[in-house]
N, C-alpha and C. Protein backbone atom coordinates (compact mmCIF):
# COMPACT_ATOMS: atom_id res chain seq x y z
N MET A 1 29.70 92.97 -43.83
CA MET A 1 30.53 93.19 -42.67
C MET A 1 31.31 94.50 -42.89
N ALA A 2 31.33 95.34 -41.87
CA ALA A 2 32.03 96.62 -41.95
C ALA A 2 33.54 96.40 -41.87
N THR A 3 34.27 97.22 -42.60
CA THR A 3 35.73 97.18 -42.57
C THR A 3 36.27 98.61 -42.53
N TYR A 4 37.52 98.73 -42.12
CA TYR A 4 38.19 100.02 -42.04
C TYR A 4 39.53 99.91 -42.74
N ASP A 5 39.92 100.99 -43.42
CA ASP A 5 41.21 100.95 -44.11
C ASP A 5 42.34 101.36 -43.18
N ARG A 6 43.56 101.30 -43.67
CA ARG A 6 44.75 101.56 -42.87
C ARG A 6 44.78 103.01 -42.37
N LYS A 7 44.32 103.96 -43.19
CA LYS A 7 44.30 105.36 -42.77
C LYS A 7 43.40 105.56 -41.55
N GLU A 8 42.27 104.87 -41.53
CA GLU A 8 41.37 104.97 -40.38
C GLU A 8 41.99 104.34 -39.14
N LEU A 9 42.73 103.25 -39.32
CA LEU A 9 43.41 102.61 -38.22
C LEU A 9 44.49 103.53 -37.64
N VAL A 10 45.26 104.15 -38.51
CA VAL A 10 46.31 105.08 -38.08
C VAL A 10 45.69 106.25 -37.32
N ARG A 11 44.60 106.78 -37.83
CA ARG A 11 43.93 107.91 -37.18
C ARG A 11 43.43 107.51 -35.79
N GLU A 12 42.88 106.31 -35.66
CA GLU A 12 42.38 105.83 -34.37
C GLU A 12 43.52 105.70 -33.36
N VAL A 13 44.67 105.21 -33.80
CA VAL A 13 45.83 105.08 -32.92
C VAL A 13 46.27 106.47 -32.45
N LEU A 14 46.33 107.42 -33.35
CA LEU A 14 46.73 108.78 -32.98
C LEU A 14 45.74 109.40 -31.99
N LEU A 15 44.47 109.08 -32.13
CA LEU A 15 43.47 109.56 -31.17
C LEU A 15 43.72 108.95 -29.79
N HIS A 16 44.01 107.66 -29.74
CA HIS A 16 44.30 107.00 -28.46
C HIS A 16 45.52 107.62 -27.79
N LEU A 17 46.50 108.00 -28.58
CA LEU A 17 47.74 108.56 -28.05
C LEU A 17 47.60 110.04 -27.68
N GLY A 18 46.48 110.64 -28.03
CA GLY A 18 46.27 112.05 -27.73
C GLY A 18 47.05 112.96 -28.65
N ALA A 19 47.54 112.43 -29.76
CA ALA A 19 48.32 113.23 -30.71
C ALA A 19 47.42 113.91 -31.74
N LEU A 20 46.13 113.66 -31.62
CA LEU A 20 45.18 114.16 -32.60
C LEU A 20 43.86 114.45 -31.90
N ASP A 21 43.24 115.56 -32.24
CA ASP A 21 41.91 115.85 -31.74
C ASP A 21 40.88 115.20 -32.66
N ALA A 22 39.68 115.06 -32.16
CA ALA A 22 38.63 114.38 -32.91
C ALA A 22 38.32 115.04 -34.25
N ASP A 23 38.52 116.34 -34.36
CA ASP A 23 38.18 117.04 -35.60
C ASP A 23 39.40 117.34 -36.47
N GLU A 24 40.54 116.77 -36.15
CA GLU A 24 41.77 117.00 -36.91
C GLU A 24 42.05 115.86 -37.88
N SER A 25 42.86 116.17 -38.88
CA SER A 25 43.38 115.15 -39.78
C SER A 25 44.84 114.90 -39.41
N PRO A 26 45.31 113.68 -39.53
CA PRO A 26 46.70 113.38 -39.17
C PRO A 26 47.69 114.06 -40.10
N GLU A 27 48.81 114.49 -39.53
CA GLU A 27 49.90 115.02 -40.33
C GLU A 27 50.71 113.85 -40.88
N ALA A 28 51.47 114.11 -41.92
CA ALA A 28 52.17 113.05 -42.64
C ALA A 28 53.19 112.30 -41.78
N THR A 29 54.04 113.02 -41.04
CA THR A 29 55.11 112.36 -40.29
C THR A 29 54.59 111.47 -39.17
N PRO A 30 53.71 111.95 -38.28
CA PRO A 30 53.20 111.05 -37.24
C PRO A 30 52.41 109.88 -37.83
N ALA A 31 51.68 110.14 -38.90
CA ALA A 31 50.91 109.06 -39.53
C ALA A 31 51.85 107.99 -40.09
N ALA A 32 52.96 108.40 -40.67
CA ALA A 32 53.94 107.44 -41.21
C ALA A 32 54.58 106.64 -40.08
N ASP A 33 54.87 107.29 -38.96
CA ASP A 33 55.44 106.58 -37.80
C ASP A 33 54.47 105.52 -37.29
N VAL A 34 53.21 105.89 -37.17
CA VAL A 34 52.19 104.94 -36.70
C VAL A 34 52.01 103.82 -37.71
N ASP A 35 52.02 104.15 -38.99
CA ASP A 35 51.83 103.14 -40.03
C ASP A 35 52.95 102.10 -40.00
N ARG A 36 54.19 102.52 -39.76
CA ARG A 36 55.30 101.57 -39.66
C ARG A 36 55.09 100.61 -38.48
N THR A 37 54.70 101.17 -37.35
CA THR A 37 54.46 100.33 -36.18
C THR A 37 53.27 99.41 -36.42
N ALA A 38 52.24 99.94 -37.06
CA ALA A 38 51.06 99.12 -37.37
C ALA A 38 51.45 97.93 -38.24
N GLN A 39 52.27 98.18 -39.24
CA GLN A 39 52.71 97.09 -40.12
C GLN A 39 53.45 96.03 -39.32
N SER A 40 54.31 96.45 -38.43
CA SER A 40 55.08 95.52 -37.61
C SER A 40 54.16 94.67 -36.72
N VAL A 41 53.24 95.33 -36.03
CA VAL A 41 52.32 94.61 -35.12
C VAL A 41 51.43 93.67 -35.92
N LEU A 42 50.90 94.14 -37.03
CA LEU A 42 50.02 93.29 -37.85
C LEU A 42 50.76 92.08 -38.41
N GLU A 43 52.00 92.30 -38.86
CA GLU A 43 52.79 91.16 -39.37
C GLU A 43 53.05 90.13 -38.29
N GLU A 44 53.38 90.60 -37.11
CA GLU A 44 53.64 89.67 -36.00
C GLU A 44 52.39 88.86 -35.66
N LEU A 45 51.26 89.53 -35.55
CA LEU A 45 50.01 88.83 -35.23
C LEU A 45 49.60 87.88 -36.35
N TYR A 46 49.82 88.30 -37.59
CA TYR A 46 49.48 87.45 -38.73
C TYR A 46 50.37 86.21 -38.75
N GLN A 47 51.66 86.41 -38.50
CA GLN A 47 52.61 85.29 -38.46
C GLN A 47 52.23 84.29 -37.39
N ASP A 48 51.71 84.78 -36.26
CA ASP A 48 51.29 83.91 -35.16
C ASP A 48 49.94 83.26 -35.41
N GLY A 49 49.31 83.57 -36.54
CA GLY A 49 48.02 82.98 -36.88
C GLY A 49 46.84 83.60 -36.15
N LYS A 50 47.00 84.81 -35.66
CA LYS A 50 45.94 85.45 -34.88
C LYS A 50 45.03 86.34 -35.73
N LEU A 51 45.44 86.65 -36.95
CA LEU A 51 44.62 87.49 -37.82
C LEU A 51 44.20 86.71 -39.05
N PRO A 52 42.92 86.42 -39.17
CA PRO A 52 42.45 85.62 -40.31
C PRO A 52 42.06 86.47 -41.52
N PHE A 53 42.75 87.56 -41.74
CA PHE A 53 42.46 88.42 -42.89
C PHE A 53 43.77 88.95 -43.45
N ASP A 54 43.73 89.44 -44.67
CA ASP A 54 44.91 89.98 -45.34
C ASP A 54 45.30 91.30 -44.68
N ILE A 55 46.49 91.39 -44.14
CA ILE A 55 46.90 92.58 -43.40
C ILE A 55 47.19 93.76 -44.32
N GLU A 56 47.30 93.53 -45.60
CA GLU A 56 47.50 94.62 -46.55
C GLU A 56 46.17 95.24 -46.96
N GLY A 57 45.08 94.57 -46.66
CA GLY A 57 43.76 95.07 -47.02
C GLY A 57 43.07 95.76 -45.84
N ASP A 58 41.76 95.80 -45.90
CA ASP A 58 40.98 96.44 -44.86
C ASP A 58 40.90 95.57 -43.61
N VAL A 59 40.68 96.24 -42.47
CA VAL A 59 40.59 95.57 -41.17
C VAL A 59 39.11 95.37 -40.83
N PRO A 60 38.69 94.13 -40.55
CA PRO A 60 37.31 93.91 -40.14
C PRO A 60 36.98 94.67 -38.86
N ALA A 61 35.76 95.14 -38.76
CA ALA A 61 35.34 95.99 -37.65
C ALA A 61 35.56 95.32 -36.29
N ARG A 62 35.37 94.02 -36.21
CA ARG A 62 35.51 93.35 -34.91
C ARG A 62 36.95 93.34 -34.39
N TYR A 63 37.92 93.58 -35.27
CA TYR A 63 39.33 93.63 -34.87
C TYR A 63 39.85 95.06 -34.71
N PHE A 64 39.14 96.02 -35.25
CA PHE A 64 39.63 97.39 -35.39
C PHE A 64 40.06 98.03 -34.07
N THR A 65 39.19 98.09 -33.09
CA THR A 65 39.50 98.76 -31.82
C THR A 65 40.60 98.01 -31.07
N HIS A 66 40.52 96.69 -31.07
CA HIS A 66 41.54 95.90 -30.38
C HIS A 66 42.92 96.16 -30.97
N LEU A 67 43.00 96.15 -32.28
CA LEU A 67 44.29 96.38 -32.94
C LEU A 67 44.79 97.80 -32.72
N SER A 68 43.89 98.76 -32.69
CA SER A 68 44.33 100.14 -32.51
C SER A 68 45.03 100.33 -31.17
N TYR A 69 44.53 99.68 -30.13
CA TYR A 69 45.20 99.79 -28.82
C TYR A 69 46.51 99.00 -28.81
N MET A 70 46.54 97.86 -29.49
CA MET A 70 47.76 97.06 -29.53
C MET A 70 48.86 97.78 -30.31
N ILE A 71 48.49 98.56 -31.30
CA ILE A 71 49.46 99.34 -32.06
C ILE A 71 49.90 100.56 -31.27
N ALA A 72 48.98 101.15 -30.51
CA ALA A 72 49.30 102.36 -29.73
C ALA A 72 50.27 102.06 -28.59
N GLU A 73 50.21 100.86 -28.04
CA GLU A 73 51.02 100.54 -26.85
C GLU A 73 52.52 100.78 -27.04
N PRO A 74 53.16 100.29 -28.10
CA PRO A 74 54.61 100.55 -28.23
C PRO A 74 54.94 101.98 -28.62
N LEU A 75 53.95 102.80 -28.93
CA LEU A 75 54.19 104.18 -29.35
C LEU A 75 54.02 105.20 -28.23
N VAL A 76 53.68 104.74 -27.03
CA VAL A 76 53.42 105.66 -25.91
C VAL A 76 54.61 106.58 -25.67
N ALA A 77 55.80 106.03 -25.58
CA ALA A 77 56.99 106.85 -25.30
C ALA A 77 57.30 107.79 -26.45
N SER A 78 57.17 107.33 -27.68
CA SER A 78 57.47 108.16 -28.84
C SER A 78 56.57 109.39 -28.92
N PHE A 79 55.33 109.23 -28.50
CA PHE A 79 54.37 110.33 -28.58
C PHE A 79 54.18 111.03 -27.23
N GLY A 80 54.92 110.62 -26.21
CA GLY A 80 54.84 111.26 -24.91
C GLY A 80 53.47 111.12 -24.26
N ALA A 81 52.82 110.01 -24.48
CA ALA A 81 51.47 109.79 -23.97
C ALA A 81 51.49 109.04 -22.64
N PHE A 82 52.36 109.45 -21.74
CA PHE A 82 52.54 108.73 -20.48
C PHE A 82 51.30 108.80 -19.59
N ALA A 83 50.53 109.85 -19.70
CA ALA A 83 49.30 109.96 -18.90
C ALA A 83 48.26 108.93 -19.35
N ARG A 84 48.39 108.44 -20.57
CA ARG A 84 47.44 107.45 -21.12
C ARG A 84 48.01 106.03 -21.12
N GLU A 85 49.23 105.89 -20.66
CA GLU A 85 49.95 104.62 -20.77
C GLU A 85 49.21 103.46 -20.12
N GLU A 86 48.73 103.65 -18.90
CA GLU A 86 48.06 102.56 -18.19
C GLU A 86 46.79 102.12 -18.90
N THR A 87 46.01 103.07 -19.36
CA THR A 87 44.77 102.75 -20.07
C THR A 87 45.07 102.02 -21.37
N ILE A 88 46.04 102.52 -22.12
CA ILE A 88 46.38 101.89 -23.39
C ILE A 88 46.90 100.47 -23.17
N ALA A 89 47.76 100.28 -22.16
CA ALA A 89 48.29 98.93 -21.87
C ALA A 89 47.18 97.98 -21.47
N ARG A 90 46.26 98.45 -20.63
CA ARG A 90 45.15 97.60 -20.19
C ARG A 90 44.26 97.21 -21.37
N LYS A 91 43.95 98.17 -22.23
CA LYS A 91 43.09 97.88 -23.37
C LYS A 91 43.81 97.06 -24.44
N ALA A 92 45.12 97.20 -24.55
CA ALA A 92 45.89 96.37 -25.49
C ALA A 92 45.89 94.92 -25.03
N ALA A 93 46.05 94.71 -23.72
CA ALA A 93 46.02 93.34 -23.19
C ALA A 93 44.63 92.73 -23.37
N ALA A 94 43.60 93.53 -23.11
CA ALA A 94 42.23 93.05 -23.31
C ALA A 94 41.98 92.76 -24.79
N GLY A 95 42.56 93.57 -25.66
CA GLY A 95 42.42 93.35 -27.10
C GLY A 95 43.06 92.05 -27.54
N LEU A 96 44.24 91.74 -27.00
CA LEU A 96 44.89 90.48 -27.35
C LEU A 96 44.07 89.29 -26.87
N ARG A 97 43.52 89.40 -25.68
CA ARG A 97 42.64 88.32 -25.17
C ARG A 97 41.43 88.15 -26.07
N ALA A 98 40.84 89.25 -26.51
CA ALA A 98 39.66 89.19 -27.38
C ALA A 98 40.01 88.55 -28.73
N ILE A 99 41.16 88.93 -29.29
CA ILE A 99 41.57 88.34 -30.57
C ILE A 99 41.84 86.85 -30.40
N ASN A 100 42.45 86.47 -29.30
CA ASN A 100 42.66 85.04 -29.04
C ASN A 100 41.33 84.30 -28.93
N ARG A 101 40.36 84.91 -28.28
CA ARG A 101 39.03 84.31 -28.15
C ARG A 101 38.35 84.17 -29.51
N MET A 102 38.49 85.18 -30.34
CA MET A 102 37.86 85.14 -31.66
C MET A 102 38.43 84.02 -32.52
N ASN A 103 39.68 83.70 -32.29
CA ASN A 103 40.34 82.70 -33.12
C ASN A 103 40.42 81.32 -32.47
N ALA A 104 39.89 81.19 -31.27
CA ALA A 104 39.94 79.90 -30.59
C ALA A 104 38.99 78.94 -31.29
N THR A 105 39.48 77.76 -31.53
CA THR A 105 38.62 76.75 -32.12
C THR A 105 37.99 75.93 -31.00
N ILE A 106 36.78 75.57 -31.22
CA ILE A 106 36.07 74.76 -30.24
C ILE A 106 36.49 73.31 -30.45
N TYR A 107 36.85 72.67 -29.35
CA TYR A 107 37.27 71.28 -29.45
C TYR A 107 36.08 70.41 -29.77
N GLN A 108 36.24 69.61 -30.79
CA GLN A 108 35.21 68.64 -31.14
C GLN A 108 35.91 67.29 -31.22
N GLY A 109 35.50 66.42 -30.37
CA GLY A 109 36.14 65.11 -30.34
C GLY A 109 36.02 64.39 -31.66
N ALA A 110 37.03 63.66 -32.00
CA ALA A 110 37.04 62.89 -33.24
C ALA A 110 37.45 61.47 -32.94
N VAL A 111 36.97 60.58 -33.74
CA VAL A 111 37.34 59.19 -33.58
C VAL A 111 38.77 59.01 -34.04
N VAL A 112 39.58 58.44 -33.18
CA VAL A 112 40.97 58.20 -33.53
C VAL A 112 41.12 56.69 -33.79
N PRO A 113 41.55 56.33 -34.98
CA PRO A 113 41.70 54.91 -35.27
C PRO A 113 42.82 54.30 -34.43
N SER A 114 42.59 53.11 -33.98
CA SER A 114 43.58 52.41 -33.16
C SER A 114 44.27 51.34 -33.99
N ASP A 115 45.54 51.19 -33.74
CA ASP A 115 46.30 50.13 -34.39
C ASP A 115 46.54 49.03 -33.37
N TYR A 116 46.12 47.84 -33.70
CA TYR A 116 46.34 46.70 -32.81
C TYR A 116 47.48 45.88 -33.37
N PHE A 117 48.38 45.54 -32.48
CA PHE A 117 49.55 44.77 -32.89
C PHE A 117 49.42 43.33 -32.47
């Protein structure tokens, strides 16, 4: 299974925000700002039981794009990405729905013992 590290996640968020061109490397200060927000978003999702992987390690590919938009959403104002705000918000909401779907358990009926009095 493919995975991506935190630096790749930060770079993807910066690309969504338009703060980085496809052939550029992130500068230290914007990358640190995004990394702080990423940690906050990942911790919140992990606490809610929505991320079934270690948030300090690599991000599985199936979560990568969804998380990048969810991290980009609170950073729109900080990076002045107002022209991209609607797209980022829409994709962040779709990402949360996708993550919820990935973690939904299928109901399987079970026999419940009855107590007769």
